[in-house]
Amino acid sequence: MDLSTRAQTLLDLHTAPELLTVVNVWDAITARVVTEVEGTRALATASHSIAASHGYEDGENIPVDEMIAAIGLIVANTHLPVSADLEAGYGDPGETARKAIGVGAVGANLEDQQKPLAEAVAAVEAVVRAGEAEGVPFVLNARTDVVAQAGDRPHDEVIADAVQRGKAFIEAGAPVVFVPGPLSEDDISTLVDAWGPQRLTTIGYPGSVPLARQQELGVARVSYGPFTQSVALMALQDLARDVEAGGRLPEDFRVLN
């Protein structure tokens, strides 16, 4: 499957009425293991998880070329379309997107970090142009952080801000908008009503709106960000505790590689 076809496949998965669920990965082995799960249709990287696995704090502390190389390794270990988490673009969103396309990514998350709207829109436009220049229908999942970083702002004001930013990102060419943070059914309905169905992507939390209900409400995609790595590391730490207490591998242990 060539790059353009993979990109179109990823776009179709977002625009279909069926909810796209994405379990985020951070290296070659996690890419292979998740790819092998029946029903998996696409992969997404988690920048926080890649940075942590390379010894860096989150927040664009990992050198951009090291992040891009990690994305390329994930792409090389799956036949599925891959969306890359590019944080805020590492100072040059368009060039960073071009590099990601160069290693086989066909979509990306791009954070607005609550920057002034004109600046955030310009970043979205730069990524859209990069995809067009490479001849790829690049699936930009333009992220707004206003809910995740709401602080003590009134909730209605925060959701209105998310609506405004999402509309601007869609008008700038982003096919979908990512709103991480706790969202109620009413919040999801407000965002979907404002942007249309299959435009909103969310993140899964314990206690978040059930997947079946999000599909009914018109959500395009649910991903899990760095939480997948936390689940894996918790299992590893629990095993270490069991072993130190005199235990052993679980009876249902199996080799994954």
C-alpha atoms as a PDB file:
ATOM      1  CA  MET A   1       0.000   0.000   0.000  1.00  0.00           C
ATOM      2  CA  ASP A   2       1.555   3.314  -1.039  1.00  0.00           C
ATOM      3  CA  LEU A   3       1.636   6.381   1.190  1.00  0.00           C
ATOM      4  CA  SER A   4      -1.290   8.159  -0.456  1.00  0.00           C
ATOM      5  CA  THR A   5      -3.459   5.050  -0.199  1.00  0.00           C
ATOM      6  CA  ARG A   6      -2.573   4.621   3.478  1.00  0.00           C
ATOM      7  CA  ALA A   7      -3.463   8.256   4.111  1.00  0.00           C
ATOM      8  CA  GLN A   8      -6.801   7.902   2.341  1.00  0.00           C
ATOM      9  CA  THR A   9      -7.497   4.750   4.344  1.00  0.00           C
ATOM     10  CA  LEU A  10      -6.804   6.631   7.582  1.00  0.00           C
ATOM     11  CA  LEU A  11      -9.023   9.512   6.505  1.00  0.00           C
ATOM     12  CA  ASP A  12     -11.828   7.102   5.593  1.00  0.00           C
ATOM     13  CA  LEU A  13     -11.554   5.491   9.037  1.00  0.00           C
ATOM     14  CA  HIS A  14     -12.115   8.892  10.631  1.00  0.00           C
ATOM     15  CA  THR A  15     -15.043   9.900   8.430  1.00  0.00           C
ATOM     16  CA  ALA A  16     -16.907   6.575   8.612  1.00  0.00           C
ATOM     17  CA  PRO A  17     -19.871   6.395  11.027  1.00  0.00           C
ATOM     18  CA  GLU A  18     -18.144   3.566  12.905  1.00  0.00           C
ATOM     19  CA  LEU A  19     -15.982   4.886  15.751  1.00  0.00           C
ATOM     20  CA  LEU A  20     -12.232   4.478  15.229  1.00  0.00           C
ATOM     21  CA  THR A  21     -10.444   3.308  18.381  1.00  0.00           C
ATOM     22  CA  VAL A  22      -6.671   3.683  18.529  1.00  0.00           C
ATOM     23  CA  VAL A  23      -4.405   2.131  21.174  1.00  0.00           C
ATOM     24  CA  ASN A  24      -1.277   4.297  21.200  1.00  0.00           C
ATOM     25  CA  VAL A  25       2.178   2.744  20.772  1.00  0.00           C
ATOM     26  CA  TRP A  26       5.726   3.968  21.328  1.00  0.00           C
ATOM     27  CA  ASP A  27       8.224   1.531  19.788  1.00  0.00           C
ATOM     28  CA  ALA A  28       8.646  -1.395  17.398  1.00  0.00           C
ATOM     29  CA  ILE A  29       7.428  -4.146  19.716  1.00  0.00           C
ATOM     30  CA  THR A  30       4.328  -2.270  20.865  1.00  0.00           C
ATOM     31  CA  ALA A  31       3.523  -1.513  17.214  1.00  0.00           C
ATOM     32  CA  ARG A  32       3.763  -5.209  16.312  1.00  0.00           C
ATOM     33  CA  VAL A  33       1.809  -6.434  19.337  1.00  0.00           C
ATOM     34  CA  VAL A  34      -1.074  -3.997  18.851  1.00  0.00           C
ATOM     35  CA  THR A  35      -1.144  -4.580  15.089  1.00  0.00           C
ATOM     36  CA  GLU A  36      -1.697  -8.296  15.737  1.00  0.00           C
ATOM     37  CA  VAL A  37      -4.865  -7.657  17.757  1.00  0.00           C
ATOM     38  CA  GLU A  38      -7.913  -8.550  15.695  1.00  0.00           C
ATOM     39  CA  GLY A  39      -9.920  -5.480  14.782  1.00  0.00           C
ATOM     40  CA  THR A  40      -7.032  -3.007  14.973  1.00  0.00           C
ATOM     41  CA  ARG A  41      -7.335  -0.707  11.961  1.00  0.00           C
ATOM     42  CA  ALA A  42      -4.746   2.022  12.617  1.00  0.00           C
ATOM     43  CA  LEU A  43      -1.969   2.970  15.017  1.00  0.00           C
ATOM     44  CA  ALA A  44      -1.090   6.252  16.658  1.00  0.00           C
ATOM     45  CA  THR A  45       2.114   7.157  18.426  1.00  0.00           C
ATOM     46  CA  ALA A  46       2.204   8.819  21.840  1.00  0.00           C
ATOM     47  CA  SER A  47       4.857  11.536  22.069  1.00  0.00           C
ATOM     48  CA  HIS A  48       4.961  11.400  25.867  1.00  0.00           C
ATOM     49  CA  SER A  49       5.574   7.643  25.747  1.00  0.00           C
ATOM     50  CA  ILE A  50       8.263   7.867  23.059  1.00  0.00           C
ATOM     51  CA  ALA A  51      10.050  10.619  24.976  1.00  0.00           C
ATOM     52  CA  ALA A  52       9.881   8.632  28.228  1.00  0.00           C
ATOM     53  CA  SER A  53      11.233   5.489  26.572  1.00  0.00           C
ATOM     54  CA  HIS A  54      14.186   7.545  25.310  1.00  0.00           C
ATOM     55  CA  GLY A  55      14.863   9.155  28.677  1.00  0.00           C
ATOM     56  CA  TYR A  56      13.305  12.588  28.074  1.00  0.00           C
ATOM     57  CA  GLU A  57      10.600  14.568  29.811  1.00  0.00           C
ATOM     58  CA  ASP A  58       7.462  15.296  27.788  1.00  0.00           C
ATOM     59  CA  GLY A  59       7.108  18.674  26.109  1.00  0.00           C
ATOM     60  CA  GLU A  60       9.386  18.638  23.043  1.00  0.00           C
ATOM     61  CA  ASN A  61      12.477  17.841  25.105  1.00  0.00           C
ATOM     62  CA  ILE A  62      13.351  14.920  22.839  1.00  0.00           C
ATOM     63  CA  PRO A  63      15.239  16.125  19.739  1.00  0.00           C
ATOM     64  CA  VAL A  64      12.882  16.243  16.782  1.00  0.00           C
ATOM     65  CA  ASP A  65      14.992  13.926  14.629  1.00  0.00           C
ATOM     66  CA  GLU A  66      15.042  11.348  17.433  1.00  0.00           C
ATOM     67  CA  MET A  67      11.254  11.533  17.648  1.00  0.00           C
ATOM     68  CA  ILE A  68      10.944  11.208  13.866  1.00  0.00           C
ATOM     69  CA  ALA A  69      13.251   8.178  13.867  1.00  0.00           C
ATOM     70  CA  ALA A  70      11.059   6.527  16.508  1.00  0.00           C
ATOM     71  CA  ILE A  71       7.981   7.189  14.379  1.00  0.00           C
ATOM     72  CA  GLY A  72       9.736   5.640  11.387  1.00  0.00           C
ATOM     73  CA  LEU A  73      10.532   2.522  13.388  1.00  0.00           C
ATOM     74  CA  ILE A  74       6.874   2.157  14.329  1.00  0.00           C
ATOM     75  CA  VAL A  75       5.788   2.585  10.696  1.00  0.00           C
ATOM     76  CA  ALA A  76       8.306  -0.084   9.661  1.00  0.00           C
ATOM     77  CA  ASN A  77       6.745  -2.577  12.084  1.00  0.00           C
ATOM     78  CA  THR A  78       3.129  -2.412  10.949  1.00  0.00           C
ATOM     79  CA  HIS A  79       1.139  -2.650   7.737  1.00  0.00           C
ATOM     80  CA  LEU A  80      -1.484  -0.297   9.197  1.00  0.00           C
ATOM     81  CA  PRO A  81      -1.699   3.477   8.681  1.00  0.00           C
ATOM     82  CA  VAL A  82       0.108   5.416  11.417  1.00  0.00           C
ATOM     83  CA  SER A  83      -0.776   8.805  12.888  1.00  0.00           C
ATOM     84  CA  ALA A  84       2.142  10.521  14.616  1.00  0.00           C
ATOM     85  CA  ASP A  85       1.973  12.713  17.711  1.00  0.00           C
ATOM     86  CA  LEU A  86       4.055  15.752  16.744  1.00  0.00           C
ATOM     87  CA  GLU A  87       3.389  17.758  19.942  1.00  0.00           C
ATOM     88  CA  ALA A  88       3.300  21.428  18.852  1.00  0.00           C
ATOM     89  CA  GLY A  89       5.554  20.886  15.837  1.00  0.00           C
ATOM     90  CA  TYR A  90       8.984  21.368  17.438  1.00  0.00           C
ATOM     91  CA  GLY A  91       9.248  24.987  16.351  1.00  0.00           C
ATOM     92  CA  ASP A  92       8.423  24.317  12.681  1.00  0.00           C
ATOM     93  CA  PRO A  93       5.145  22.416  12.264  1.00  0.00           C
ATOM     94  CA  GLY A  94       5.261  22.252   8.488  1.00  0.00           C
ATOM     95  CA  GLU A  95       8.805  20.907   8.322  1.00  0.00           C
ATOM     96  CA  THR A  96       8.168  18.461  11.172  1.00  0.00           C
ATOM     97  CA  ALA A  97       5.095  17.143   9.351  1.00  0.00           C
ATOM     98  CA  ARG A  98       7.149  16.797   6.161  1.00  0.00           C
ATOM     99  CA  LYS A  99       9.738  14.744   8.070  1.00  0.00           C
ATOM    100  CA  ALA A 100       6.997  12.550   9.553  1.00  0.00           C
ATOM    101  CA  ILE A 101       5.552  11.933   6.087  1.00  0.00           C
ATOM    102  CA  GLY A 102       9.071  11.115   4.948  1.00  0.00           C
ATOM    103  CA  VAL A 103       9.242   8.161   7.353  1.00  0.00           C
ATOM    104  CA  GLY A 104       5.754   6.962   6.438  1.00  0.00           C
ATOM    105  CA  ALA A 105       3.324   8.669   8.840  1.00  0.00           C
ATOM    106  CA  VAL A 106       0.025   9.582   7.173  1.00  0.00           C
ATOM    107  CA  GLY A 107      -1.560  11.621   9.947  1.00  0.00           C
ATOM    108  CA  ALA A 108      -0.608  13.618  13.015  1.00  0.00           C
ATOM    109  CA  ASN A 109      -1.703  15.291  16.203  1.00  0.00           C
ATOM    110  CA  LEU A 110      -0.680  18.931  16.576  1.00  0.00           C
ATOM    111  CA  GLU A 111      -1.135  20.750  19.892  1.00  0.00           C
ATOM    112  CA  ASP A 112      -2.265  24.368  20.066  1.00  0.00           C
ATOM    113  CA  GLN A 113      -0.976  24.739  23.663  1.00  0.00           C
ATOM    114  CA  GLN A 114      -3.599  27.504  24.024  1.00  0.00           C
ATOM    115  CA  LYS A 115      -1.493  29.815  21.884  1.00  0.00           C
ATOM    116  CA  PRO A 116      -3.208  32.841  20.330  1.00  0.00           C
ATOM    117  CA  LEU A 117      -5.726  31.558  17.803  1.00  0.00           C
ATOM    118  CA  ALA A 118      -4.063  33.169  14.771  1.00  0.00           C
ATOM    119  CA  GLU A 119      -0.759  31.495  15.675  1.00  0.00           C
ATOM    120  CA  ALA A 120      -2.441  28.122  16.215  1.00  0.00           C
ATOM    121  CA  VAL A 121      -4.291  28.390  12.890  1.00  0.00           C
ATOM    122  CA  ALA A 122      -1.050  29.250  11.084  1.00  0.00           C
ATOM    123  CA  ALA A 123       0.508  26.061  12.474  1.00  0.00           C
ATOM    124  CA  VAL A 124      -2.437  24.006  11.216  1.00  0.00           C
ATOM    125  CA  GLU A 125      -2.165  25.622   7.788  1.00  0.00           C
ATOM    126  CA  ALA A 126       1.556  24.814   7.652  1.00  0.00           C
ATOM    127  CA  VAL A 127       0.905  21.125   8.288  1.00  0.00           C
ATOM    128  CA  VAL A 128      -1.916  21.025   5.732  1.00  0.00           C
ATOM    129  CA  ARG A 129       0.383  22.607   3.144  1.00  0.00           C
ATOM    130  CA  ALA A 130       3.105  20.055   3.929  1.00  0.00           C
ATOM    131  CA  GLY A 131       0.709  17.204   3.224  1.00  0.00           C
ATOM    132  CA  GLU A 132      -0.419  18.814  -0.024  1.00  0.00           C
ATOM    133  CA  ALA A 133       3.186  19.388  -1.118  1.00  0.00           C
ATOM    134  CA  GLU A 134       3.966  15.708  -0.516  1.00  0.00           C
ATOM    135  CA  GLY A 135       0.847  14.639  -2.430  1.00  0.00           C
ATOM    136  CA  VAL A 136      -0.664  12.945   0.618  1.00  0.00           C
ATOM    137  CA  PRO A 137      -4.184  13.477   2.069  1.00  0.00           C
ATOM    138  CA  PHE A 138      -2.530  13.909   5.468  1.00  0.00           C
ATOM    139  CA  VAL A 139      -4.967  13.393   8.356  1.00  0.00           C
ATOM    140  CA  LEU A 140      -4.275  16.271  10.719  1.00  0.00           C
ATOM    141  CA  ASN A 141      -5.893  15.783  14.122  1.00  0.00           C
ATOM    142  CA  ALA A 142      -5.634  19.398  15.281  1.00  0.00           C
ATOM    143  CA  ARG A 143      -5.534  19.397  19.057  1.00  0.00           C
ATOM    144  CA  THR A 144      -6.826  22.104  21.354  1.00  0.00           C
ATOM    145  CA  ASP A 145      -5.725  22.015  24.973  1.00  0.00           C
ATOM    146  CA  VAL A 146      -8.370  24.343  26.376  1.00  0.00           C
ATOM    147  CA  VAL A 147     -10.291  21.570  28.167  1.00  0.00           C
ATOM    148  CA  ALA A 148      -7.277  19.647  29.430  1.00  0.00           C
ATOM    149  CA  GLN A 149      -5.772  22.867  30.793  1.00  0.00           C
ATOM    150  CA  ALA A 150      -8.988  24.606  31.805  1.00  0.00           C
ATOM    151  CA  GLY A 151      -7.947  25.352  35.376  1.00  0.00           C
ATOM    152  CA  ASP A 152     -10.696  27.244  37.188  1.00  0.00           C
ATOM    153  CA  ARG A 153     -12.276  28.806  34.084  1.00  0.00           C
ATOM    154  CA  PRO A 154     -16.069  28.420  33.869  1.00  0.00           C
ATOM    155  CA  HIS A 155     -16.843  25.219  31.993  1.00  0.00           C
ATOM    156  CA  ASP A 156     -19.253  26.794  29.498  1.00  0.00           C
ATOM    157  CA  GLU A 157     -16.577  29.342  28.592  1.00  0.00           C
ATOM    158  CA  VAL A 158     -14.020  26.560  28.075  1.00  0.00           C
ATOM    159  CA  ILE A 159     -16.324  24.569  25.763  1.00  0.00           C
ATOM    160  CA  ALA A 160     -17.167  27.727  23.806  1.00  0.00           C
ATOM    161  CA  ASP A 161     -13.433  28.333  23.370  1.00  0.00           C
ATOM    162  CA  ALA A 162     -12.975  24.743  22.150  1.00  0.00           C
ATOM    163  CA  VAL A 163     -15.818  25.221  19.659  1.00  0.00           C
ATOM    164  CA  GLN A 164     -14.252  28.404  18.274  1.00  0.00           C
ATOM    165  CA  ARG A 165     -10.786  26.908  17.958  1.00  0.00           C
ATOM    166  CA  GLY A 166     -12.055  23.715  16.392  1.00  0.00           C
ATOM    167  CA  LYS A 167     -14.063  25.642  13.784  1.00  0.00           C
ATOM    168  CA  ALA A 168     -10.969  27.662  12.898  1.00  0.00           C
ATOM    169  CA  PHE A 169      -8.826  24.525  12.585  1.00  0.00           C
ATOM    170  CA  ILE A 170     -11.394  22.805  10.359  1.00  0.00           C
ATOM    171  CA  GLU A 171     -11.637  25.906   8.161  1.00  0.00           C
ATOM    172  CA  ALA A 172      -7.820  25.835   7.916  1.00  0.00           C
ATOM    173  CA  GLY A 173      -7.977  22.292   6.511  1.00  0.00           C
ATOM    174  CA  ALA A 174      -7.829  19.919   9.485  1.00  0.00           C
ATOM    175  CA  PRO A 175     -10.291  17.065   8.931  1.00  0.00           C
ATOM    176  CA  VAL A 176     -10.637  16.323  12.654  1.00  0.00           C
ATOM    177  CA  VAL A 177     -10.097  18.128  15.958  1.00  0.00           C
ATOM    178  CA  PHE A 178      -8.782  16.492  19.120  1.00  0.00           C
ATOM    179  CA  VAL A 179     -10.137  17.720  22.462  1.00  0.00           C
ATOM    180  CA  PRO A 180      -8.332  15.831  25.230  1.00  0.00           C
ATOM    181  CA  GLY A 181      -9.703  16.150  28.726  1.00  0.00           C
ATOM    182  CA  PRO A 182     -12.812  14.968  30.545  1.00  0.00           C
ATOM    183  CA  LEU A 183     -15.870  15.487  28.344  1.00  0.00           C
ATOM    184  CA  SER A 184     -19.471  14.801  29.301  1.00  0.00           C
ATOM    185  CA  GLU A 185     -22.167  13.646  26.875  1.00  0.00           C
ATOM    186  CA  ASP A 186     -23.421  17.233  26.741  1.00  0.00           C
ATOM    187  CA  ASP A 187     -19.909  18.498  25.924  1.00  0.00           C
ATOM    188  CA  ILE A 188     -19.525  15.954  23.134  1.00  0.00           C
ATOM    189  CA  SER A 189     -22.949  16.827  21.733  1.00  0.00           C
ATOM    190  CA  THR A 190     -22.091  20.529  21.755  1.00  0.00           C
ATOM    191  CA  LEU A 191     -18.827  19.962  19.876  1.00  0.00           C
ATOM    192  CA  VAL A 192     -20.356  17.571  17.337  1.00  0.00           C
ATOM    193  CA  ASP A 193     -23.295  19.911  16.743  1.00  0.00           C
ATOM    194  CA  ALA A 194     -20.860  22.779  16.129  1.00  0.00           C
ATOM    195  CA  TRP A 195     -18.495  20.939  13.762  1.00  0.00           C
ATOM    196  CA  GLY A 196     -20.593  18.146  12.306  1.00  0.00           C
ATOM    197  CA  PRO A 197     -20.326  14.372  12.872  1.00  0.00           C
ATOM    198  CA  GLN A 198     -16.988  12.560  12.570  1.00  0.00           C
ATOM    199  CA  ARG A 199     -14.991  15.721  13.285  1.00  0.00           C
ATOM    200  CA  LEU A 200     -14.326  15.315  17.010  1.00  0.00           C
ATOM    201  CA  THR A 201     -11.697  12.997  18.470  1.00  0.00           C
ATOM    202  CA  THR A 202     -11.420  12.321  22.193  1.00  0.00           C
ATOM    203  CA  ILE A 203      -9.185  10.541  24.671  1.00  0.00           C
ATOM    204  CA  GLY A 204     -10.247   7.616  26.813  1.00  0.00           C
ATOM    205  CA  TYR A 205     -10.239   8.069  30.587  1.00  0.00           C
ATOM    206  CA  PRO A 206     -11.503   5.826  33.375  1.00  0.00           C
ATOM    207  CA  GLY A 207     -15.162   6.785  33.620  1.00  0.00           C
ATOM    208  CA  SER A 208     -15.322   8.547  30.247  1.00  0.00           C
ATOM    209  CA  VAL A 209     -18.404   8.306  28.038  1.00  0.00           C
ATOM    210  CA  PRO A 210     -18.706   4.665  26.823  1.00  0.00           C
ATOM    211  CA  LEU A 211     -17.411   3.983  23.322  1.00  0.00           C
ATOM    212  CA  ALA A 212     -20.790   2.858  22.005  1.00  0.00           C
ATOM    213  CA  ARG A 213     -22.366   6.109  23.174  1.00  0.00           C
ATOM    214  CA  GLN A 214     -19.564   8.201  21.652  1.00  0.00           C
ATOM    215  CA  GLN A 215     -20.203   6.481  18.340  1.00  0.00           C
ATOM    216  CA  GLU A 216     -23.921   7.296  18.617  1.00  0.00           C
ATOM    217  CA  LEU A 217     -23.028  10.934  19.321  1.00  0.00           C
ATOM    218  CA  GLY A 218     -20.889  11.193  16.163  1.00  0.00           C
ATOM    219  CA  VAL A 219     -17.344  11.059  17.554  1.00  0.00           C
ATOM    220  CA  ALA A 220     -14.749  10.130  14.929  1.00  0.00           C
ATOM    221  CA  ARG A 221     -12.009   8.576  17.041  1.00  0.00           C
ATOM    222  CA  VAL A 222     -10.988   7.708  20.583  1.00  0.00           C
ATOM    223  CA  SER A 223      -7.303   7.279  21.458  1.00  0.00           C
ATOM    224  CA  TYR A 224      -5.512   6.622  24.737  1.00  0.00           C
ATOM    225  CA  GLY A 225      -2.334   8.702  24.634  1.00  0.00           C
ATOM    226  CA  PRO A 226       0.321   7.917  27.247  1.00  0.00           C
ATOM    227  CA  PHE A 227      -2.123   5.893  29.338  1.00  0.00           C
ATOM    228  CA  THR A 228      -1.306   2.748  27.348  1.00  0.00           C
ATOM    229  CA  GLN A 229       2.325   2.955  28.417  1.00  0.00           C
ATOM    230  CA  SER A 230       1.241   3.489  32.022  1.00  0.00           C
ATOM    231  CA  VAL A 231      -0.833   0.294  31.871  1.00  0.00           C
ATOM    232  CA  ALA A 232       2.159  -1.651  30.515  1.00  0.00           C
ATOM    233  CA  LEU A 233       4.552  -0.206  33.089  1.00  0.00           C
ATOM    234  CA  MET A 234       2.117  -0.920  35.929  1.00  0.00           C
ATOM    235  CA  ALA A 235       2.042  -4.570  34.848  1.00  0.00           C
ATOM    236  CA  LEU A 236       5.846  -4.669  34.801  1.00  0.00           C
ATOM    237  CA  GLN A 237       6.109  -3.047  38.228  1.00  0.00           C
ATOM    238  CA  ASP A 238       3.496  -5.422  39.655  1.00  0.00           C
ATOM    239  CA  LEU A 239       5.495  -8.375  38.333  1.00  0.00           C
ATOM    240  CA  ALA A 240       8.666  -6.996  39.922  1.00  0.00           C
ATOM    241  CA  ARG A 241       6.847  -6.700  43.263  1.00  0.00           C
ATOM    242  CA  ASP A 242       5.557 -10.287  42.967  1.00  0.00           C
ATOM    243  CA  VAL A 243       9.034 -11.615  42.181  1.00  0.00           C
ATOM    244  CA  GLU A 244      10.623  -9.700  45.061  1.00  0.00           C
ATOM    245  CA  ALA A 245       7.958 -11.181  47.339  1.00  0.00           C
ATOM    246  CA  GLY A 246       8.872 -14.700  46.230  1.00  0.00           C
ATOM    247  CA  GLY A 247       6.333 -15.061  43.447  1.00  0.00           C
ATOM    248  CA  ARG A 248       6.734 -16.072  39.820  1.00  0.00           C
ATOM    249  CA  LEU A 249       5.405 -15.413  36.323  1.00  0.00           C
ATOM    250  CA  PRO A 250       1.622 -15.683  35.981  1.00  0.00           C
ATOM    251  CA  GLU A 251       0.247 -19.008  34.750  1.00  0.00           C
ATOM    252  CA  ASP A 252      -1.274 -17.352  31.657  1.00  0.00           C
ATOM    253  CA  PHE A 253       2.092 -15.856  30.643  1.00  0.00           C
ATOM    254  CA  ARG A 254       2.787 -15.930  26.897  1.00  0.00           C
ATOM    255  CA  VAL A 255       5.635 -14.697  24.714  1.00  0.00           C
ATOM    256  CA  LEU A 256       4.850 -11.675  22.529  1.00  0.00           C
ATOM    257  CA  ASN A 257       7.410 -10.528  19.984  1.00  0.00           C
END
